Structure formats: structure tokens, C-alpha cells
């Protein structure tokens, strides 16, 4: 039990969880009353249970915040995928512009590589 504060203030029990003090259970007892041994045991058990409850509440709050952040990120990813799919569908439906220099009908931005057989070794060369 903590000592009584100045001027007859409250007694207090620390709330400890995970080796860290996370709060204080303040006891306002009438006059000069001092709890007996069984009351002290009860109050220490109560402070331990309160510490665990506070610790779990903090963990829950933290986990809930992480869940909300993950949901927000997932929605953003889903929107990006939907936009990419829509862009892909629109590109597949509309013909690509052909460059004036490209008589072969290839797209101007086509950088696909083709295989060219050079003797016994295959070499990849860019399309021209």
C-alpha cells in the first residue's frame, strides 16, 4: 500500500501490467482508518485485476486502430485495382494509334522483344 498523501490524502495502489506502472488505484478511507491484512490482500488482487483490464483495453484500442488502418489501405488498393482493370478494358476496346514511321502496324510504344536465331545461339533483339 502506498503512504497516505499530504494532508490525509488518499492511499493508493499501483496498477502494474507487463512490468510497467500504468495507473493508480486511489483509496479514500475515512479518517485514520487503515485496512486490515485481509482487506489489503483484497485491494492488491483488485488492483492487479484492474491493471490487466486497463492493459487489455489499451491493447483492444490499439488493435482496433490497426484494423481501421488496414481496412483503409485495403479500400485504397481495391480502388487502384478497379481503376487498372477499367483502364485495361478501355485500352483493349480502343485501337492503339499507329506511328507514321511504323509501317508494320505495331504500336509506337511497343517494346516487345523478338528472338533472332544467330547460328547455334539465340539472341533477343528489339523489334524495329
N, C-alpha and C. Protein backbone atom coordinates (compact mmCIF):
# COMPACT_ATOMS: atom_id res chain seq x y z
N UNK A 1 0.84 -1.17 0.00
CA UNK A 1 0.00 0.00 0.00
C UNK A 1 0.89 1.23 0.00
N UNK A 2 0.50 2.24 -0.75
CA UNK A 2 1.26 3.50 -0.76
C UNK A 2 0.95 4.28 0.50
N UNK A 3 1.87 5.15 0.86
CA UNK A 3 1.64 6.01 2.02
C UNK A 3 0.54 7.00 1.72
N UNK A 4 -0.09 7.43 2.80
CA UNK A 4 -1.14 8.44 2.67
C UNK A 4 -0.51 9.74 2.20
N UNK A 5 -1.21 10.43 1.31
CA UNK A 5 -0.69 11.68 0.76
C UNK A 5 -0.66 12.78 1.80
N UNK A 6 -0.07 13.92 1.44
CA UNK A 6 -0.01 15.03 2.38
C UNK A 6 -1.40 15.52 2.76
N UNK A 7 -1.56 15.87 4.01
CA UNK A 7 -2.86 16.40 4.46
C UNK A 7 -3.92 15.33 4.55
N UNK A 8 -3.52 14.06 4.72
CA UNK A 8 -4.52 12.99 4.84
C UNK A 8 -5.14 12.62 3.52
N UNK A 9 -4.42 12.78 2.41
CA UNK A 9 -4.92 12.43 1.08
C UNK A 9 -5.14 10.93 0.95
N UNK A 10 -5.47 10.48 -0.23
CA UNK A 10 -5.82 9.08 -0.44
C UNK A 10 -4.62 8.14 -0.34
N UNK A 11 -4.92 6.90 0.04
CA UNK A 11 -3.94 5.82 -0.09
C UNK A 11 -4.02 5.40 -1.55
N UNK A 12 -2.99 4.73 -2.00
CA UNK A 12 -3.03 4.30 -3.40
C UNK A 12 -2.29 3.00 -3.63
N UNK A 13 -2.76 2.27 -4.60
CA UNK A 13 -2.11 1.04 -5.04
C UNK A 13 -1.76 1.20 -6.52
N UNK A 14 -0.53 0.87 -6.90
CA UNK A 14 -0.17 0.99 -8.31
C UNK A 14 -0.87 -0.08 -9.15
N UNK A 15 -1.23 0.30 -10.37
CA UNK A 15 -1.75 -0.66 -11.34
C UNK A 15 -0.57 -1.02 -12.24
N UNK A 16 -0.10 -2.25 -12.11
CA UNK A 16 1.09 -2.69 -12.85
C UNK A 16 0.73 -3.82 -13.80
N UNK A 17 1.18 -3.68 -15.05
CA UNK A 17 0.97 -4.71 -16.06
C UNK A 17 2.18 -4.75 -16.97
N UNK A 18 2.67 -5.94 -17.23
CA UNK A 18 3.83 -6.07 -18.11
C UNK A 18 5.07 -5.40 -17.56
N UNK A 19 5.22 -5.38 -16.23
CA UNK A 19 6.39 -4.78 -15.62
C UNK A 19 6.39 -3.26 -15.67
N UNK A 20 5.26 -2.69 -15.95
CA UNK A 20 5.16 -1.23 -16.08
C UNK A 20 3.96 -0.73 -15.27
N UNK A 21 4.13 0.40 -14.61
CA UNK A 21 3.03 1.01 -13.87
C UNK A 21 2.17 1.79 -14.86
N UNK A 22 0.89 1.40 -14.95
CA UNK A 22 0.01 2.03 -15.93
C UNK A 22 -1.09 2.86 -15.29
N UNK A 23 -1.11 2.92 -13.98
CA UNK A 23 -2.14 3.71 -13.31
C UNK A 23 -2.02 3.58 -11.81
N UNK A 24 -3.02 4.13 -11.14
CA UNK A 24 -3.03 4.12 -9.68
C UNK A 24 -4.46 3.96 -9.21
N UNK A 25 -4.65 3.05 -8.28
CA UNK A 25 -5.95 2.88 -7.64
C UNK A 25 -5.91 3.71 -6.37
N UNK A 26 -6.67 4.80 -6.34
CA UNK A 26 -6.70 5.69 -5.17
C UNK A 26 -7.78 5.23 -4.21
N UNK A 27 -7.43 5.16 -2.93
CA UNK A 27 -8.36 4.73 -1.90
C UNK A 27 -8.62 5.89 -0.95
N UNK A 28 -9.86 6.26 -0.85
CA UNK A 28 -10.25 7.32 0.08
C UNK A 28 -10.91 6.66 1.30
N UNK A 29 -10.15 6.53 2.34
CA UNK A 29 -10.64 5.89 3.55
C UNK A 29 -11.02 6.95 4.58
N UNK A 30 -12.06 6.68 5.35
CA UNK A 30 -12.47 7.67 6.35
C UNK A 30 -11.45 7.81 7.47
N UNK A 31 -11.17 9.06 7.85
CA UNK A 31 -10.30 9.36 8.99
C UNK A 31 -8.94 8.69 8.91
N UNK A 32 -8.56 8.10 10.03
CA UNK A 32 -7.25 7.45 10.11
C UNK A 32 -7.37 5.95 9.91
N UNK A 33 -8.43 5.49 9.29
CA UNK A 33 -8.66 4.05 9.12
C UNK A 33 -7.56 3.44 8.24
N UNK A 34 -7.04 2.34 8.68
CA UNK A 34 -6.03 1.58 7.93
C UNK A 34 -6.64 0.22 7.62
N UNK A 35 -6.60 -0.21 6.35
CA UNK A 35 -7.18 -1.50 6.01
C UNK A 35 -6.45 -2.64 6.72
N UNK A 36 -7.21 -3.64 7.11
CA UNK A 36 -6.63 -4.83 7.74
C UNK A 36 -5.91 -5.68 6.69
N UNK A 37 -5.27 -6.75 7.18
CA UNK A 37 -4.48 -7.61 6.28
C UNK A 37 -5.34 -8.23 5.18
N UNK A 38 -6.51 -8.73 5.52
CA UNK A 38 -7.38 -9.35 4.50
C UNK A 38 -7.88 -8.31 3.50
N UNK A 39 -8.15 -7.09 3.97
CA UNK A 39 -8.57 -6.02 3.06
C UNK A 39 -7.42 -5.62 2.12
N UNK A 40 -6.20 -5.60 2.66
CA UNK A 40 -5.04 -5.27 1.81
C UNK A 40 -4.85 -6.33 0.72
N UNK A 41 -5.01 -7.60 1.09
CA UNK A 41 -4.89 -8.68 0.10
C UNK A 41 -5.96 -8.52 -0.98
N UNK A 42 -7.19 -8.21 -0.54
CA UNK A 42 -8.29 -8.00 -1.49
C UNK A 42 -8.00 -6.80 -2.40
N UNK A 43 -7.54 -5.70 -1.82
CA UNK A 43 -7.25 -4.50 -2.62
C UNK A 43 -6.10 -4.73 -3.60
N UNK A 44 -5.10 -5.51 -3.19
CA UNK A 44 -3.99 -5.82 -4.10
C UNK A 44 -4.47 -6.70 -5.25
N UNK A 45 -5.35 -7.66 -4.96
CA UNK A 45 -5.92 -8.50 -6.01
C UNK A 45 -6.76 -7.65 -6.96
N UNK A 46 -7.54 -6.74 -6.37
CA UNK A 46 -8.37 -5.84 -7.18
C UNK A 46 -7.50 -4.96 -8.08
N UNK A 47 -6.41 -4.42 -7.53
CA UNK A 47 -5.54 -3.56 -8.35
C UNK A 47 -4.87 -4.36 -9.48
N UNK A 48 -4.53 -5.62 -9.20
CA UNK A 48 -3.95 -6.47 -10.26
C UNK A 48 -4.97 -6.72 -11.36
N UNK A 49 -6.20 -7.02 -11.00
CA UNK A 49 -7.25 -7.26 -11.99
C UNK A 49 -7.56 -6.00 -12.79
N UNK A 50 -7.59 -4.86 -12.10
CA UNK A 50 -7.82 -3.59 -12.80
C UNK A 50 -6.69 -3.29 -13.79
N UNK A 51 -5.46 -3.59 -13.38
CA UNK A 51 -4.31 -3.36 -14.25
C UNK A 51 -4.43 -4.19 -15.52
N UNK A 52 -4.81 -5.46 -15.37
CA UNK A 52 -4.99 -6.34 -16.53
C UNK A 52 -6.11 -5.81 -17.42
N UNK A 53 -7.21 -5.37 -16.82
CA UNK A 53 -8.33 -4.84 -17.59
C UNK A 53 -7.93 -3.59 -18.37
N UNK A 54 -7.19 -2.69 -17.72
CA UNK A 54 -6.73 -1.47 -18.40
C UNK A 54 -5.77 -1.84 -19.54
N UNK A 55 -4.87 -2.77 -19.26
CA UNK A 55 -3.91 -3.21 -20.28
C UNK A 55 -4.64 -3.80 -21.48
N UNK A 56 -5.63 -4.67 -21.23
CA UNK A 56 -6.40 -5.27 -22.32
C UNK A 56 -7.21 -4.22 -23.08
N UNK A 57 -7.75 -3.25 -22.38
CA UNK A 57 -8.49 -2.19 -23.05
C UNK A 57 -7.57 -1.39 -23.99
N UNK A 58 -6.35 -1.13 -23.52
CA UNK A 58 -5.39 -0.42 -24.37
C UNK A 58 -5.01 -1.26 -25.59
N UNK A 59 -4.79 -2.56 -25.37
CA UNK A 59 -4.47 -3.45 -26.50
C UNK A 59 -5.63 -3.49 -27.50
N UNK A 60 -6.85 -3.56 -26.98
CA UNK A 60 -8.03 -3.57 -27.85
C UNK A 60 -8.11 -2.28 -28.67
N UNK A 61 -7.90 -1.17 -28.01
CA UNK A 61 -7.93 0.11 -28.70
C UNK A 61 -6.86 0.18 -29.80
N UNK A 62 -5.67 -0.28 -29.48
CA UNK A 62 -4.57 -0.29 -30.45
C UNK A 62 -4.90 -1.22 -31.63
N UNK A 63 -5.41 -2.40 -31.32
CA UNK A 63 -5.75 -3.37 -32.37
C UNK A 63 -6.88 -2.85 -33.25
N UNK A 64 -7.86 -2.23 -32.64
CA UNK A 64 -8.97 -1.65 -33.41
C UNK A 64 -8.46 -0.57 -34.36
N UNK A 65 -7.53 0.26 -33.87
CA UNK A 65 -6.94 1.29 -34.73
C UNK A 65 -6.16 0.69 -35.88
N UNK A 66 -5.40 -0.37 -35.61
CA UNK A 66 -4.67 -1.05 -36.68
C UNK A 66 -5.63 -1.64 -37.70
N UNK A 67 -6.71 -2.23 -37.22
CA UNK A 67 -7.71 -2.80 -38.13
C UNK A 67 -8.32 -1.74 -39.03
N UNK A 68 -8.62 -0.59 -38.46
CA UNK A 68 -9.18 0.51 -39.26
C UNK A 68 -8.17 0.99 -40.30
N UNK A 69 -6.90 1.09 -39.90
CA UNK A 69 -5.86 1.50 -40.85
C UNK A 69 -5.73 0.49 -41.99
N UNK A 70 -5.77 -0.80 -41.65
CA UNK A 70 -5.66 -1.84 -42.67
C UNK A 70 -6.87 -1.82 -43.61
N UNK A 71 -8.06 -1.62 -43.07
CA UNK A 71 -9.26 -1.53 -43.92
C UNK A 71 -9.15 -0.36 -44.87
N UNK A 72 -8.66 0.77 -44.38
CA UNK A 72 -8.49 1.96 -45.22
C UNK A 72 -7.49 1.67 -46.35
N UNK A 73 -6.37 1.02 -46.00
CA UNK A 73 -5.37 0.67 -47.01
C UNK A 73 -5.94 -0.30 -48.03
N UNK A 74 -6.69 -1.29 -47.55
CA UNK A 74 -7.29 -2.27 -48.45
C UNK A 74 -8.26 -1.62 -49.42
N UNK A 75 -9.08 -0.69 -48.92
CA UNK A 75 -10.00 0.02 -49.82
C UNK A 75 -9.25 0.79 -50.89
N UNK A 76 -8.14 1.41 -50.50
CA UNK A 76 -7.32 2.12 -51.49
C UNK A 76 -6.75 1.19 -52.53
N UNK A 77 -6.27 0.02 -52.08
CA UNK A 77 -5.73 -0.98 -53.02
C UNK A 77 -6.83 -1.48 -53.95
N UNK A 78 -8.01 -1.75 -53.40
CA UNK A 78 -9.12 -2.23 -54.22
C UNK A 78 -9.53 -1.18 -55.26
N UNK A 79 -9.52 0.09 -54.88
CA UNK A 79 -9.85 1.14 -55.84
C UNK A 79 -8.80 1.22 -56.94
N UNK A 80 -7.52 1.07 -56.57
CA UNK A 80 -6.45 1.10 -57.56
C UNK A 80 -6.58 -0.07 -58.53
N UNK A 81 -6.91 -1.26 -58.02
CA UNK A 81 -7.09 -2.43 -58.89
C UNK A 81 -8.26 -2.20 -59.83
N UNK A 82 -9.36 -1.68 -59.30
CA UNK A 82 -10.53 -1.41 -60.14
C UNK A 82 -10.20 -0.41 -61.24
N UNK A 83 -9.44 0.63 -60.90
CA UNK A 83 -9.04 1.62 -61.91
C UNK A 83 -8.14 1.00 -62.97
N UNK A 84 -7.20 0.15 -62.55
CA UNK A 84 -6.32 -0.52 -63.51
C UNK A 84 -7.10 -1.46 -64.42
N UNK A 85 -8.07 -2.19 -63.86
CA UNK A 85 -8.90 -3.08 -64.69
C UNK A 85 -9.70 -2.27 -65.70
N UNK A 86 -10.28 -1.16 -65.24
CA UNK A 86 -11.06 -0.32 -66.15
C UNK A 86 -10.17 0.24 -67.25
N UNK A 87 -8.98 0.67 -66.91
CA UNK A 87 -8.05 1.18 -67.90
C UNK A 87 -7.65 0.09 -68.88
N UNK A 88 -7.42 -1.11 -68.37
CA UNK A 88 -7.04 -2.24 -69.22
C UNK A 88 -8.17 -2.58 -70.19
N UNK A 89 -9.41 -2.58 -69.69
CA UNK A 89 -10.56 -2.87 -70.56
C UNK A 89 -10.73 -1.80 -71.62
N UNK A 90 -10.55 -0.54 -71.24
CA UNK A 90 -10.73 0.53 -72.22
C UNK A 90 -9.64 0.50 -73.28
N UNK A 91 -8.42 0.13 -72.90
CA UNK A 91 -7.33 0.02 -73.87
C UNK A 91 -7.56 -1.15 -74.81
N UNK A 92 -8.14 -2.25 -74.30
CA UNK A 92 -8.40 -3.43 -75.12
C UNK A 92 -9.49 -3.15 -76.15
N UNK A 93 -10.42 -2.26 -75.83
CA UNK A 93 -11.52 -1.95 -76.76
C UNK A 93 -11.13 -0.91 -77.80
N UNK A 94 -10.23 0.00 -77.46
CA UNK A 94 -9.89 1.06 -78.42
C UNK A 94 -8.57 0.74 -79.10
N UNK A 95 -8.52 0.92 -80.44
CA UNK A 95 -7.27 0.64 -81.16
C UNK A 95 -6.18 1.63 -80.76
N UNK A 96 -4.95 1.15 -80.76
CA UNK A 96 -3.80 2.00 -80.45
C UNK A 96 -3.45 2.84 -81.66
N UNK A 97 -3.03 4.10 -81.46
CA UNK A 97 -2.59 4.92 -82.60
C UNK A 97 -1.30 4.34 -83.19
N UNK A 98 -1.20 4.39 -84.51
CA UNK A 98 -0.02 3.88 -85.19
C UNK A 98 0.84 5.05 -85.61
N UNK A 99 2.12 4.93 -85.41
CA UNK A 99 3.07 5.97 -85.76
C UNK A 99 3.23 6.05 -87.28
N UNK A 100 3.53 7.21 -87.77
CA UNK A 100 3.75 7.39 -89.20
C UNK A 100 4.99 6.61 -89.65
N UNK A 101 5.94 6.42 -88.75
CA UNK A 101 7.17 5.70 -89.07
C UNK A 101 7.01 4.18 -88.95
N UNK A 102 5.87 3.72 -88.49
CA UNK A 102 5.67 2.30 -88.22
C UNK A 102 4.75 1.69 -89.26
N UNK A 103 5.30 1.23 -90.36
CA UNK A 103 4.51 0.67 -91.44
C UNK A 103 4.04 -0.74 -91.12
N UNK A 104 4.64 -1.39 -90.15
CA UNK A 104 4.29 -2.76 -89.82
C UNK A 104 3.05 -2.90 -88.97
N UNK A 105 2.42 -1.82 -88.60
CA UNK A 105 1.19 -1.86 -87.82
C UNK A 105 1.43 -2.04 -86.33
N UNK A 106 2.66 -1.93 -85.90
CA UNK A 106 2.94 -2.05 -84.47
C UNK A 106 2.65 -0.72 -83.78
N UNK A 107 2.38 -0.81 -82.49
CA UNK A 107 2.17 0.41 -81.73
C UNK A 107 3.48 1.14 -81.56
N UNK A 108 3.38 2.45 -81.42
CA UNK A 108 4.56 3.29 -81.26
C UNK A 108 5.33 2.95 -79.99
N UNK A 109 4.61 2.58 -78.93
CA UNK A 109 5.28 2.33 -77.66
C UNK A 109 5.56 0.85 -77.41
N UNK A 110 5.42 0.01 -78.45
CA UNK A 110 5.65 -1.42 -78.32
C UNK A 110 7.14 -1.69 -78.18
N UNK A 111 7.55 -2.25 -77.05
CA UNK A 111 8.96 -2.53 -76.82
C UNK A 111 9.18 -4.03 -76.66
N UNK A 112 8.28 -4.81 -77.19
CA UNK A 112 8.37 -6.26 -77.06
C UNK A 112 9.61 -6.75 -77.80
N UNK A 113 10.24 -7.77 -77.25
CA UNK A 113 11.44 -8.32 -77.85
C UNK A 113 11.09 -9.55 -78.67
N UNK A 114 11.84 -9.77 -79.77
CA UNK A 114 11.66 -10.97 -80.60
C UNK A 114 12.95 -11.75 -80.61
N UNK A 115 12.85 -13.08 -80.78
CA UNK A 115 14.04 -13.93 -80.83
C UNK A 115 14.59 -13.97 -82.26
N UNK A 116 15.88 -13.88 -82.39
CA UNK A 116 16.55 -13.98 -83.69
C UNK A 116 17.58 -15.09 -83.57
N UNK A 117 17.53 -16.08 -84.47
CA UNK A 117 18.45 -17.19 -84.42
C UNK A 117 19.76 -16.79 -85.09
N UNK A 118 20.85 -16.82 -84.34
CA UNK A 118 22.17 -16.49 -84.88
C UNK A 118 23.03 -17.72 -84.69
N UNK A 119 23.09 -18.53 -85.72
CA UNK A 119 23.86 -19.75 -85.61
C UNK A 119 23.25 -20.65 -84.55
N UNK A 120 24.08 -21.16 -83.66
CA UNK A 120 23.58 -22.06 -82.62
C UNK A 120 23.13 -21.31 -81.37
N UNK A 121 23.30 -19.98 -81.34
CA UNK A 121 22.90 -19.18 -80.17
C UNK A 121 21.70 -18.33 -80.51
N UNK A 122 20.73 -18.31 -79.62
CA UNK A 122 19.57 -17.44 -79.83
C UNK A 122 19.86 -16.09 -79.18
N UNK A 123 19.57 -15.03 -79.89
CA UNK A 123 19.80 -13.69 -79.37
C UNK A 123 18.50 -12.93 -79.44
N UNK A 124 18.23 -12.15 -78.40
CA UNK A 124 17.00 -11.36 -78.40
C UNK A 124 17.33 -9.95 -78.86
N UNK A 125 16.56 -9.49 -79.81
CA UNK A 125 16.77 -8.15 -80.34
C UNK A 125 15.47 -7.38 -80.28
N UNK A 126 15.54 -6.08 -80.10
CA UNK A 126 14.29 -5.29 -80.08
C UNK A 126 13.68 -5.23 -81.47
N UNK A 127 12.34 -5.20 -81.51
CA UNK A 127 11.65 -5.01 -82.79
C UNK A 127 11.97 -3.64 -83.33
N UNK A 128 12.06 -3.55 -84.59
CA UNK A 128 12.34 -2.26 -85.23
C UNK A 128 11.17 -1.83 -86.04
